[in-house]
Full PDB file with SEQRES, HELIX, SHEET, SSBOND, CRYST1, ORIGX, SCALE, CONECT and MASTER records, all heavy atoms in Angstrom:
SEQRES   1 A   41  ILE SER ASP VAL GLY VAL ARG ALA ASP GLU GLU VAL GLU          
SEQRES   2 A   41  MET GLU THR GLN ASN THR LEU LEU LYS PRO GLU MET LEU          
SEQRES   3 A   41  GLY GLY GLU ASP ILE GLY LEU SER LYS ALA ILE ARG SER          
SEQRES   4 A   41  ALA ARG                                                      
HELIX    1 AA1 PRO A   23  MET A   25  5                                   3    
HELIX    2 AA2 ILE A   31  ALA A   40  1                                  10    
CRYST1    1.000    1.000    1.000  90.00  90.00  90.00 P 1           1          
ORIGX1      1.000000  0.000000  0.000000        0.00000                         
ORIGX2      0.000000  1.000000  0.000000        0.00000                         
ORIGX3      0.000000  0.000000  1.000000        0.00000                         
SCALE1      1.000000  0.000000  0.000000        0.00000                         
SCALE2      0.000000  1.000000  0.000000        0.00000                         
SCALE3      0.000000  0.000000  1.000000        0.00000                         
ATOM      1  N   ILE A   1       1.245  81.319  31.359  1.00  0.00           N  
ATOM      2  CA  ILE A   1       0.989  82.359  30.364  1.00  0.00           C  
ATOM      3  C   ILE A   1       2.131  82.429  29.350  1.00  0.00           C  
ATOM      4  O   ILE A   1       1.910  82.638  28.161  1.00  0.00           O  
ATOM      5  CB  ILE A   1       0.799  83.725  31.058  1.00  0.00           C  
ATOM      6  CG1 ILE A   1      -0.470  83.696  31.918  1.00  0.00           C  
ATOM      7  CG2 ILE A   1       0.734  84.858  30.047  1.00  0.00           C  
ATOM      8  CD1 ILE A   1      -0.678  84.951  32.755  1.00  0.00           C  
ATOM      9  N   SER A   2       3.359  82.198  29.820  1.00  0.00           N  
ATOM     10  CA  SER A   2       4.532  82.304  28.961  1.00  0.00           C  
ATOM     11  C   SER A   2       4.473  81.302  27.816  1.00  0.00           C  
ATOM     12  O   SER A   2       4.229  80.097  28.023  1.00  0.00           O  
ATOM     13  CB  SER A   2       5.796  82.066  29.786  1.00  0.00           C  
ATOM     14  OG  SER A   2       6.944  82.272  29.013  1.00  0.00           O  
ATOM     15  N   ASP A   3       4.678  81.797  26.584  1.00  0.00           N  
ATOM     16  CA  ASP A   3       4.706  80.994  25.355  1.00  0.00           C  
ATOM     17  C   ASP A   3       3.363  80.364  25.010  1.00  0.00           C  
ATOM     18  O   ASP A   3       3.266  79.640  24.018  1.00  0.00           O  
ATOM     19  CB  ASP A   3       5.767  79.880  25.444  1.00  0.00           C  
ATOM     20  CG  ASP A   3       7.168  80.428  25.660  1.00  0.00           C  
ATOM     21  OD1 ASP A   3       7.475  81.487  25.075  1.00  0.00           O  
ATOM     22  OD2 ASP A   3       7.939  79.809  26.414  1.00  0.00           O  
ATOM     23  N   VAL A   4       2.349  80.601  25.819  1.00  0.00           N  
ATOM     24  CA  VAL A   4       1.023  80.027  25.568  1.00  0.00           C  
ATOM     25  C   VAL A   4       0.002  81.114  25.278  1.00  0.00           C  
ATOM     26  O   VAL A   4      -0.789  81.023  24.330  1.00  0.00           O  
ATOM     27  CB  VAL A   4       0.546  79.177  26.775  1.00  0.00           C  
ATOM     28  CG1 VAL A   4      -0.864  78.638  26.526  1.00  0.00           C  
ATOM     29  CG2 VAL A   4       1.524  78.040  27.045  1.00  0.00           C  
ATOM     30  N   GLY A   5       0.037  82.159  26.081  1.00  0.00           N  
ATOM     31  CA  GLY A   5      -0.922  83.233  25.931  1.00  0.00           C  
ATOM     32  C   GLY A   5      -2.257  82.903  26.574  1.00  0.00           C  
ATOM     33  O   GLY A   5      -2.417  81.884  27.246  1.00  0.00           O  
ATOM     34  N   VAL A   6      -3.202  83.780  26.370  1.00  0.00           N  
ATOM     35  CA  VAL A   6      -4.552  83.609  26.902  1.00  0.00           C  
ATOM     36  C   VAL A   6      -5.495  83.436  25.716  1.00  0.00           C  
ATOM     37  O   VAL A   6      -5.563  84.294  24.835  1.00  0.00           O  
ATOM     38  CB  VAL A   6      -4.983  84.824  27.745  1.00  0.00           C  
ATOM     39  CG1 VAL A   6      -6.401  84.639  28.271  1.00  0.00           C  
ATOM     40  CG2 VAL A   6      -4.007  85.042  28.897  1.00  0.00           C  
ATOM     41  N   ARG A   7      -6.197  82.346  25.704  1.00  0.00           N  
ATOM     42  CA  ARG A   7      -7.124  82.056  24.605  1.00  0.00           C  
ATOM     43  C   ARG A   7      -8.463  82.729  24.880  1.00  0.00           C  
ATOM     44  O   ARG A   7      -8.989  82.672  25.998  1.00  0.00           O  
ATOM     45  CB  ARG A   7      -7.297  80.555  24.453  1.00  0.00           C  
ATOM     46  CG  ARG A   7      -8.060  80.147  23.192  1.00  0.00           C  
ATOM     47  CD  ARG A   7      -8.124  78.638  23.063  1.00  0.00           C  
ATOM     48  NE  ARG A   7      -8.805  78.249  21.846  1.00  0.00           N  
ATOM     49  CZ  ARG A   7      -8.216  78.110  20.667  1.00  0.00           C  
ATOM     50  NH1 ARG A   7      -6.919  78.333  20.574  1.00  0.00           N  
ATOM     51  NH2 ARG A   7      -8.896  77.748  19.601  1.00  0.00           N  
ATOM     52  N   ALA A   8      -9.014  83.355  23.864  1.00  0.00           N  
ATOM     53  CA  ALA A   8     -10.282  84.060  24.012  1.00  0.00           C  
ATOM     54  C   ALA A   8     -11.451  83.076  24.093  1.00  0.00           C  
ATOM     55  O   ALA A   8     -11.380  81.972  23.551  1.00  0.00           O  
ATOM     56  CB  ALA A   8     -10.491  85.019  22.837  1.00  0.00           C  
ATOM     57  N   ASP A   9     -12.520  83.491  24.761  1.00  0.00           N  
ATOM     58  CA  ASP A   9     -13.749  82.690  24.774  1.00  0.00           C  
ATOM     59  C   ASP A   9     -14.389  82.672  23.399  1.00  0.00           C  
ATOM     60  O   ASP A   9     -15.000  81.682  23.000  1.00  0.00           O  
ATOM     61  CB  ASP A   9     -14.741  83.268  25.798  1.00  0.00           C  
ATOM     62  CG  ASP A   9     -14.211  83.190  27.216  1.00  0.00           C  
ATOM     63  OD1 ASP A   9     -13.756  82.098  27.608  1.00  0.00           O  
ATOM     64  OD2 ASP A   9     -14.224  84.209  27.924  1.00  0.00           O  
ATOM     65  N   GLU A  10     -14.260  83.778  22.679  1.00  0.00           N  
ATOM     66  CA  GLU A  10     -14.751  83.859  21.304  1.00  0.00           C  
ATOM     67  C   GLU A  10     -13.625  84.399  20.429  1.00  0.00           C  
ATOM     68  O   GLU A  10     -13.183  85.529  20.595  1.00  0.00           O  
ATOM     69  CB  GLU A  10     -15.975  84.774  21.191  1.00  0.00           C  
ATOM     70  CG  GLU A  10     -16.517  84.868  19.775  1.00  0.00           C  
ATOM     71  CD  GLU A  10     -17.745  85.764  19.671  1.00  0.00           C  
ATOM     72  OE1 GLU A  10     -18.323  86.102  20.726  1.00  0.00           O  
ATOM     73  OE2 GLU A  10     -18.127  86.124  18.542  1.00  0.00           O  
ATOM     74  N   GLU A  11     -13.149  83.554  19.499  1.00  0.00           N  
ATOM     75  CA  GLU A  11     -12.051  83.946  18.631  1.00  0.00           C  
ATOM     76  C   GLU A  11     -12.550  84.880  17.533  1.00  0.00           C  
ATOM     77  O   GLU A  11     -13.524  84.580  16.843  1.00  0.00           O  
ATOM     78  CB  GLU A  11     -11.395  82.709  18.001  1.00  0.00           C  
ATOM     79  CG  GLU A  11     -10.682  81.813  19.004  1.00  0.00           C  
ATOM     80  CD  GLU A  11      -9.313  82.347  19.382  1.00  0.00           C  
ATOM     81  OE1 GLU A  11      -8.802  83.219  18.663  1.00  0.00           O  
ATOM     82  OE2 GLU A  11      -8.756  81.892  20.395  1.00  0.00           O  
ATOM     83  N   VAL A  12     -11.882  86.008  17.391  1.00  0.00           N  
ATOM     84  CA  VAL A  12     -12.193  86.974  16.334  1.00  0.00           C  
ATOM     85  C   VAL A  12     -10.883  87.402  15.707  1.00  0.00           C  
ATOM     86  O   VAL A  12      -9.999  87.916  16.386  1.00  0.00           O  
ATOM     87  CB  VAL A  12     -12.929  88.219  16.883  1.00  0.00           C  
ATOM     88  CG1 VAL A  12     -13.176  89.213  15.755  1.00  0.00           C  
ATOM     89  CG2 VAL A  12     -14.250  87.824  17.537  1.00  0.00           C  
ATOM     90  N   GLU A  13     -10.733  87.169  14.403  1.00  0.00           N  
ATOM     91  CA  GLU A  13      -9.517  87.583  13.718  1.00  0.00           C  
ATOM     92  C   GLU A  13      -9.588  89.069  13.417  1.00  0.00           C  
ATOM     93  O   GLU A  13     -10.488  89.533  12.711  1.00  0.00           O  
ATOM     94  CB  GLU A  13      -9.343  86.805  12.416  1.00  0.00           C  
ATOM     95  CG  GLU A  13      -8.034  87.101  11.705  1.00  0.00           C  
ATOM     96  CD  GLU A  13      -7.824  86.249  10.475  1.00  0.00           C  
ATOM     97  OE1 GLU A  13      -8.594  85.286  10.288  1.00  0.00           O  
ATOM     98  OE2 GLU A  13      -6.893  86.542   9.707  1.00  0.00           O  
ATOM     99  N   MET A  14      -8.646  89.818  13.978  1.00  0.00           N  
ATOM    100  CA  MET A  14      -8.641  91.262  13.811  1.00  0.00           C  
ATOM    101  C   MET A  14      -8.068  91.637  12.445  1.00  0.00           C  
ATOM    102  O   MET A  14      -7.082  91.060  11.992  1.00  0.00           O  
ATOM    103  CB  MET A  14      -7.816  91.927  14.915  1.00  0.00           C  
ATOM    104  CG  MET A  14      -8.234  91.531  16.310  1.00  0.00           C  
ATOM    105  SD  MET A  14      -9.894  92.075  16.722  1.00  0.00           S  
ATOM    106  CE  MET A  14     -10.059  91.373  18.371  1.00  0.00           C  
ATOM    107  N   GLU A  15      -8.684  92.614  11.799  1.00  0.00           N  
ATOM    108  CA  GLU A  15      -8.153  93.091  10.519  1.00  0.00           C  
ATOM    109  C   GLU A  15      -6.827  93.803  10.718  1.00  0.00           C  
ATOM    110  O   GLU A  15      -5.900  93.664   9.949  1.00  0.00           O  
ATOM    111  CB  GLU A  15      -9.157  94.040   9.846  1.00  0.00           C  
ATOM    112  CG  GLU A  15     -10.365  93.321   9.273  1.00  0.00           C  
ATOM    113  CD  GLU A  15     -11.237  94.252   8.467  1.00  0.00           C  
ATOM    114  OE1 GLU A  15     -11.197  95.468   8.710  1.00  0.00           O  
ATOM    115  OE2 GLU A  15     -11.963  93.778   7.591  1.00  0.00           O  
ATOM    116  N   THR A  16      -6.753  94.603  11.766  1.00  0.00           N  
ATOM    117  CA  THR A  16      -5.515  95.300  12.106  1.00  0.00           C  
ATOM    118  C   THR A  16      -5.288  95.157  13.597  1.00  0.00           C  
ATOM    119  O   THR A  16      -6.233  95.021  14.372  1.00  0.00           O  
ATOM    120  CB  THR A  16      -5.591  96.802  11.758  1.00  0.00           C  
ATOM    121  OG1 THR A  16      -6.705  97.384  12.437  1.00  0.00           O  
ATOM    122  CG2 THR A  16      -5.757  96.991  10.265  1.00  0.00           C  
ATOM    123  N   GLN A  17      -4.020  95.174  13.983  1.00  0.00           N  
ATOM    124  CA  GLN A  17      -3.677  95.088  15.391  1.00  0.00           C  
ATOM    125  C   GLN A  17      -3.098  96.411  15.858  1.00  0.00           C  
ATOM    126  O   GLN A  17      -2.514  97.166  15.097  1.00  0.00           O  
ATOM    127  CB  GLN A  17      -2.647  93.971  15.622  1.00  0.00           C  
ATOM    128  CG  GLN A  17      -3.235  92.585  15.374  1.00  0.00           C  
ATOM    129  CD  GLN A  17      -2.209  91.502  15.629  1.00  0.00           C  
ATOM    130  OE1 GLN A  17      -1.021  91.759  15.644  1.00  0.00           O  
ATOM    131  NE2 GLN A  17      -2.672  90.294  15.838  1.00  0.00           N  
ATOM    132  N   ASN A  18      -3.298  96.669  17.149  1.00  0.00           N  
ATOM    133  CA  ASN A  18      -2.740  97.873  17.764  1.00  0.00           C  
ATOM    134  C   ASN A  18      -3.204  99.144  17.045  1.00  0.00           C  
ATOM    135  O   ASN A  18      -2.457 100.085  16.858  1.00  0.00           O  
ATOM    136  CB  ASN A  18      -1.207  97.804  17.745  1.00  0.00           C  
ATOM    137  CG  ASN A  18      -0.590  98.788  18.722  1.00  0.00           C  
ATOM    138  OD1 ASN A  18      -1.232  99.200  19.680  1.00  0.00           O  
ATOM    139  ND2 ASN A  18       0.640  99.163  18.483  1.00  0.00           N  
ATOM    140  N   THR A  19      -4.461  99.148  16.623  1.00  0.00           N  
ATOM    141  CA  THR A  19      -5.010 100.304  15.935  1.00  0.00           C  
ATOM    142  C   THR A  19      -5.647 101.247  16.945  1.00  0.00           C  
ATOM    143  O   THR A  19      -6.488 100.846  17.733  1.00  0.00           O  
ATOM    144  CB  THR A  19      -6.083  99.875  14.913  1.00  0.00           C  
ATOM    145  OG1 THR A  19      -5.464  99.031  13.954  1.00  0.00           O  
ATOM    146  CG2 THR A  19      -6.670 101.068  14.203  1.00  0.00           C  
ATOM    147  N   LEU A  20      -5.250 102.496  16.917  1.00  0.00           N  
ATOM    148  CA  LEU A  20      -5.802 103.483  17.832  1.00  0.00           C  
ATOM    149  C   LEU A  20      -7.214 103.830  17.399  1.00  0.00           C  
ATOM    150  O   LEU A  20      -7.437 104.323  16.303  1.00  0.00           O  
ATOM    151  CB  LEU A  20      -4.929 104.734  17.830  1.00  0.00           C  
ATOM    152  CG  LEU A  20      -5.360 105.851  18.773  1.00  0.00           C  
ATOM    153  CD1 LEU A  20      -5.271 105.384  20.215  1.00  0.00           C  
ATOM    154  CD2 LEU A  20      -4.493 107.075  18.566  1.00  0.00           C  
ATOM    155  N   LEU A  21      -8.172 103.561  18.240  1.00  0.00           N  
ATOM    156  CA  LEU A  21      -9.564 103.822  17.891  1.00  0.00           C  
ATOM    157  C   LEU A  21      -9.903 105.290  18.051  1.00  0.00           C  
ATOM    158  O   LEU A  21      -9.517 105.926  19.011  1.00  0.00           O  
ATOM    159  CB  LEU A  21     -10.495 102.989  18.787  1.00  0.00           C  
ATOM    160  CG  LEU A  21     -10.403 101.477  18.611  1.00  0.00           C  
ATOM    161  CD1 LEU A  21     -11.333 100.814  19.619  1.00  0.00           C  
ATOM    162  CD2 LEU A  21     -10.769 101.072  17.213  1.00  0.00           C  
ATOM    163  N   LYS A  22     -10.598 105.812  17.096  1.00  0.00           N  
ATOM    164  CA  LYS A  22     -11.144 107.153  17.197  1.00  0.00           C  
ATOM    165  C   LYS A  22     -12.607 107.040  17.596  1.00  0.00           C  
ATOM    166  O   LYS A  22     -13.272 106.059  17.279  1.00  0.00           O  
ATOM    167  CB  LYS A  22     -11.024 107.879  15.850  1.00  0.00           C  
ATOM    168  CG  LYS A  22      -9.590 107.972  15.342  1.00  0.00           C  
ATOM    169  CD  LYS A  22      -8.706 108.768  16.289  1.00  0.00           C  
ATOM    170  CE  LYS A  22      -7.310 108.929  15.716  1.00  0.00           C  
ATOM    171  NZ  LYS A  22      -6.417 109.643  16.638  1.00  0.00           N  
ATOM    172  N   PRO A  23     -13.143 108.041  18.294  1.00  0.00           N  
ATOM    173  CA  PRO A  23     -14.533 107.956  18.741  1.00  0.00           C  
ATOM    174  C   PRO A  23     -15.520 107.635  17.626  1.00  0.00           C  
ATOM    175  O   PRO A  23     -16.466 106.876  17.818  1.00  0.00           O  
ATOM    176  CB  PRO A  23     -14.787 109.346  19.334  1.00  0.00           C  
ATOM    177  CG  PRO A  23     -13.445 109.805  19.784  1.00  0.00           C  
ATOM    178  CD  PRO A  23     -12.479 109.257  18.775  1.00  0.00           C  
ATOM    179  N   GLU A  24     -15.268 108.179  16.410  1.00  0.00           N  
ATOM    180  CA  GLU A  24     -16.217 107.945  15.326  1.00  0.00           C  
ATOM    181  C   GLU A  24     -16.166 106.509  14.817  1.00  0.00           C  
ATOM    182  O   GLU A  24     -17.047 106.069  14.084  1.00  0.00           O  
ATOM    183  CB  GLU A  24     -15.942 108.911  14.168  1.00  0.00           C  
ATOM    184  CG  GLU A  24     -14.563 108.785  13.537  1.00  0.00           C  
ATOM    185  CD  GLU A  24     -13.540 109.691  14.204  1.00  0.00           C  
ATOM    186  OE1 GLU A  24     -13.809 110.162  15.327  1.00  0.00           O  
ATOM    187  OE2 GLU A  24     -12.489 109.932  13.595  1.00  0.00           O  
ATOM    188  N   MET A  25     -15.091 105.742  15.190  1.00  0.00           N  
ATOM    189  CA  MET A  25     -14.978 104.358  14.742  1.00  0.00           C  
ATOM    190  C   MET A  25     -15.688 103.394  15.675  1.00  0.00           C  
ATOM    191  O   MET A  25     -15.948 102.253  15.315  1.00  0.00           O  
ATOM    192  CB  MET A  25     -13.504 103.944  14.642  1.00  0.00           C  
ATOM    193  CG  MET A  25     -12.732 104.621  13.540  1.00  0.00           C  
ATOM    194  SD  MET A  25     -10.996 104.141  13.595  1.00  0.00           S  
ATOM    195  CE  MET A  25     -11.111 102.350  13.391  1.00  0.00           C  
ATOM    196  N   LEU A  26     -15.973 103.821  16.883  1.00  0.00           N  
ATOM    197  CA  LEU A  26     -16.480 102.905  17.890  1.00  0.00           C  
ATOM    198  C   LEU A  26     -17.794 102.267  17.455  1.00  0.00           C  
ATOM    199  O   LEU A  26     -18.774 102.933  17.189  1.00  0.00           O  
ATOM    200  CB  LEU A  26     -16.675 103.631  19.229  1.00  0.00           C  
ATOM    201  CG  LEU A  26     -15.380 104.151  19.867  1.00  0.00           C  
ATOM    202  CD1 LEU A  26     -15.683 104.865  21.165  1.00  0.00           C  
ATOM    203  CD2 LEU A  26     -14.417 103.012  20.118  1.00  0.00           C  
ATOM    204  N   GLY A  27     -17.775 100.929  17.400  1.00  0.00           N  
ATOM    205  CA  GLY A  27     -18.984 100.189  17.091  1.00  0.00           C  
ATOM    206  C   GLY A  27     -19.297 100.128  15.620  1.00  0.00           C  
ATOM    207  O   GLY A  27     -20.230  99.440  15.220  1.00  0.00           O  
ATOM    208  N   GLY A  28     -18.532 100.797  14.770  1.00  0.00           N  
ATOM    209  CA  GLY A  28     -18.844 100.817  13.357  1.00  0.00           C  
ATOM    210  C   GLY A  28     -17.931  99.906  12.552  1.00  0.00           C  
ATOM    211  O   GLY A  28     -18.236  98.751  12.290  1.00  0.00           O  
ATOM    212  N   GLU A  29     -16.755 100.419  12.160  1.00  0.00           N  
ATOM    213  CA  GLU A  29     -15.867  99.700  11.276  1.00  0.00           C  
ATOM    214  C   GLU A  29     -15.012  98.665  12.003  1.00  0.00           C  
ATOM    215  O   GLU A  29     -14.392  97.828  11.366  1.00  0.00           O  
ATOM    216  CB  GLU A  29     -14.954 100.702  10.555  1.00  0.00           C  
ATOM    217  CG  GLU A  29     -15.718 101.766   9.781  1.00  0.00           C  
ATOM    218  CD  GLU A  29     -14.789 102.856   9.275  1.00  0.00           C  
ATOM    219  OE1 GLU A  29     -13.555 102.662   9.340  1.00  0.00           O  
ATOM    220  OE2 GLU A  29     -15.291 103.882   8.816  1.00  0.00           O  
ATOM    221  N   ASP A  30     -14.941  98.712  13.301  1.00  0.00           N  
ATOM    222  CA  ASP A  30     -14.071  97.836  14.064  1.00  0.00           C  
ATOM    223  C   ASP A  30     -14.780  96.514  14.343  1.00  0.00           C  
ATOM    224  O   ASP A  30     -15.747  96.449  15.108  1.00  0.00           O  
ATOM    225  CB  ASP A  30     -13.699  98.537  15.382  1.00  0.00           C  
ATOM    226  CG  ASP A  30     -12.641  97.780  16.148  1.00  0.00           C  
ATOM    227  OD1 ASP A  30     -12.869  96.608  16.471  1.00  0.00           O  
ATOM    228  OD2 ASP A  30     -11.588  98.369  16.429  1.00  0.00           O  
ATOM    229  N   ILE A  31     -14.277  95.426  13.718  1.00  0.00           N  
ATOM    230  CA  ILE A  31     -14.928  94.125  13.832  1.00  0.00           C  
ATOM    231  C   ILE A  31     -14.903  93.619  15.264  1.00  0.00           C  
ATOM    232  O   ILE A  31     -15.921  93.154  15.798  1.00  0.00           O  
ATOM    233  CB  ILE A  31     -14.241  93.106  12.904  1.00  0.00           C  
ATOM    234  CG1 ILE A  31     -14.443  93.510  11.442  1.00  0.00           C  
ATOM    235  CG2 ILE A  31     -14.787  91.700  13.144  1.00  0.00           C  
ATOM    236  CD1 ILE A  31     -13.687  92.646  10.463  1.00  0.00           C  
ATOM    237  N   GLY A  32     -13.724  93.698  15.914  1.00  0.00           N  
ATOM    238  CA  GLY A  32     -13.615  93.202  17.278  1.00  0.00           C  
ATOM    239  C   GLY A  32     -14.536  93.930  18.231  1.00  0.00           C  
ATOM    240  O   GLY A  32     -15.229  93.308  19.055  1.00  0.00           O  
ATOM    241  N   LEU A  33     -14.581  95.244  18.128  1.00  0.00           N  
ATOM    242  CA  LEU A  33     -15.434  96.024  19.018  1.00  0.00           C  
ATOM    243  C   LEU A  33     -16.911  95.775  18.729  1.00  0.00           C  
ATOM    244  O   LEU A  33     -17.726  95.714  19.647  1.00  0.00           O  
ATOM    245  CB  LEU A  33     -15.098  97.508  18.905  1.00  0.00           C  
ATOM    246  CG  LEU A  33     -15.859  98.428  19.853  1.00  0.00           C  
ATOM    247  CD1 LEU A  33     -15.656  98.003  21.305  1.00  0.00           C  
ATOM    248  CD2 LEU A  33     -15.424  99.872  19.666  1.00  0.00           C  
ATOM    249  N   SER A  34     -17.245  95.617  17.459  1.00  0.00           N  
ATOM    250  CA  SER A  34     -18.631  95.315  17.111  1.00  0.00           C  
ATOM    251  C   SER A  34     -19.071  93.998  17.752  1.00  0.00           C  
ATOM    252  O   SER A  34     -20.180  93.880  18.262  1.00  0.00           O  
ATOM    253  CB  SER A  34     -18.797  95.235  15.587  1.00  0.00           C  
ATOM    254  OG  SER A  34     -18.541  96.482  14.983  1.00  0.00           O  
ATOM    255  N   LYS A  35     -18.166  92.997  17.733  1.00  0.00           N  
ATOM    256  CA  LYS A  35     -18.458  91.714  18.384  1.00  0.00           C  
ATOM    257  C   LYS A  35     -18.617  91.894  19.891  1.00  0.00           C  
ATOM    258  O   LYS A  35     -19.493  91.294  20.520  1.00  0.00           O  
ATOM    259  CB  LYS A  35     -17.325  90.728  18.099  1.00  0.00           C  
ATOM    260  CG  LYS A  35     -17.274  90.230  16.671  1.00  0.00           C  
ATOM    261  CD  LYS A  35     -18.129  89.003  16.486  1.00  0.00           C  
ATOM    262  CE  LYS A  35     -17.877  88.384  15.119  1.00  0.00           C  
ATOM    263  NZ  LYS A  35     -18.703  87.186  14.908  1.00  0.00           N  
ATOM    264  N   ALA A  36     -17.755  92.728  20.478  1.00  0.00           N  
ATOM    265  CA  ALA A  36     -17.823  92.960  21.918  1.00  0.00           C  
ATOM    266  C   ALA A  36     -19.128  93.634  22.298  1.00  0.00           C  
ATOM    267  O   ALA A  36     -19.745  93.297  23.318  1.00  0.00           O  
ATOM    268  CB  ALA A  36     -16.627  93.807  22.364  1.00  0.00           C  
ATOM    269  N   ILE A  37     -19.576  94.586  21.495  1.00  0.00           N  
ATOM    270  CA  ILE A  37     -20.832  95.278  21.782  1.00  0.00           C  
ATOM    271  C   ILE A  37     -21.998  94.305  21.686  1.00  0.00           C  
ATOM    272  O   ILE A  37     -22.905  94.317  22.535  1.00  0.00           O  
ATOM    273  CB  ILE A  37     -21.024  96.466  20.824  1.00  0.00           C  
ATOM    274  CG1 ILE A  37     -19.976  97.551  21.122  1.00  0.00           C  
ATOM    275  CG2 ILE A  37     -22.428  97.054  20.950  1.00  0.00           C  
ATOM    276  CD1 ILE A  37     -19.967  98.687  20.125  1.00  0.00           C  
ATOM    277  N   ARG A  38     -21.975  93.433  20.685  1.00  0.00           N  
ATOM    278  CA  ARG A  38     -23.048  92.431  20.562  1.00  0.00           C  
ATOM    279  C   ARG A  38     -23.047  91.485  21.760  1.00  0.00           C  
ATOM    280  O   ARG A  38     -24.111  91.098  22.262  1.00  0.00           O  
ATOM    281  CB  ARG A  38     -22.892  91.661  19.259  1.00  0.00           C  
ATOM    282  CG  ARG A  38     -23.324  92.440  18.029  1.00  0.00           C  
ATOM    283  CD  ARG A  38     -23.589  91.525  16.856  1.00  0.00           C  
ATOM    284  NE  ARG A  38     -22.374  90.930  16.342  1.00  0.00           N  
ATOM    285  CZ  ARG A  38     -21.621  91.492  15.400  1.00  0.00           C  
ATOM    286  NH1 ARG A  38     -21.956  92.670  14.882  1.00  0.00           N  
ATOM    287  NH2 ARG A  38     -20.528  90.884  14.969  1.00  0.00           N  
ATOM    288  N   SER A  39     -21.857  91.111  22.213  1.00  0.00           N  
ATOM    289  CA  SER A  39     -21.767  90.243  23.394  1.00  0.00           C  
ATOM    290  C   SER A  39     -22.309  90.948  24.627  1.00  0.00           C  
ATOM    291  O   SER A  39     -23.011  90.347  25.448  1.00  0.00           O  
ATOM    292  CB  SER A  39     -20.316  89.822  23.633  1.00  0.00           C  
ATOM    293  OG  SER A  39     -19.851  89.014  22.587  1.00  0.00           O  
ATOM    294  N   ALA A  40     -21.992  92.229  24.781  1.00  0.00           N  
ATOM    295  CA  ALA A  40     -22.498  92.996  25.920  1.00  0.00           C  
ATOM    296  C   ALA A  40     -24.021  93.082  25.879  1.00  0.00           C  
ATOM    297  O   ALA A  40     -24.701  92.944  26.911  1.00  0.00           O  
ATOM    298  CB  ALA A  40     -21.883  94.396  25.917  1.00  0.00           C  
ATOM    299  N   ARG A  41     -24.569  93.297  24.692  1.00  0.00           N  
ATOM    300  CA  ARG A  41     -26.030  93.341  24.559  1.00  0.00           C  
ATOM    301  C   ARG A  41     -26.650  92.003  24.919  1.00  0.00           C  
ATOM    302  O   ARG A  41     -27.709  91.947  25.551  1.00  0.00           O  
ATOM    303  CB  ARG A  41     -26.394  93.738  23.127  1.00  0.00           C  
ATOM    304  CG  ARG A  41     -26.101  95.201  22.790  1.00  0.00           C  
ATOM    305  CD  ARG A  41     -26.218  95.464  21.310  1.00  0.00           C  
ATOM    306  NE  ARG A  41     -25.968  96.876  21.008  1.00  0.00           N  
ATOM    307  CZ  ARG A  41     -25.670  97.314  19.790  1.00  0.00           C  
ATOM    308  NH1 ARG A  41     -25.598  96.477  18.770  1.00  0.00           N  
ATOM    309  NH2 ARG A  41     -25.461  98.612  19.597  1.00  0.00           N  
TER     310      ARG A  41                                                      
MASTER        0    0    0    2    0    0    0    6  309    1    0    4          
END                                                                             
């Protein structure tokens, strides 16, 4: 893991990192979460 990290199964470039999500943002403006919801579906 050191100096290599964990590679995602599906790469998604985040617009912002370490952004605190508010309930009203869930599934809407957040690209990563929107992708995750589609994957779950």
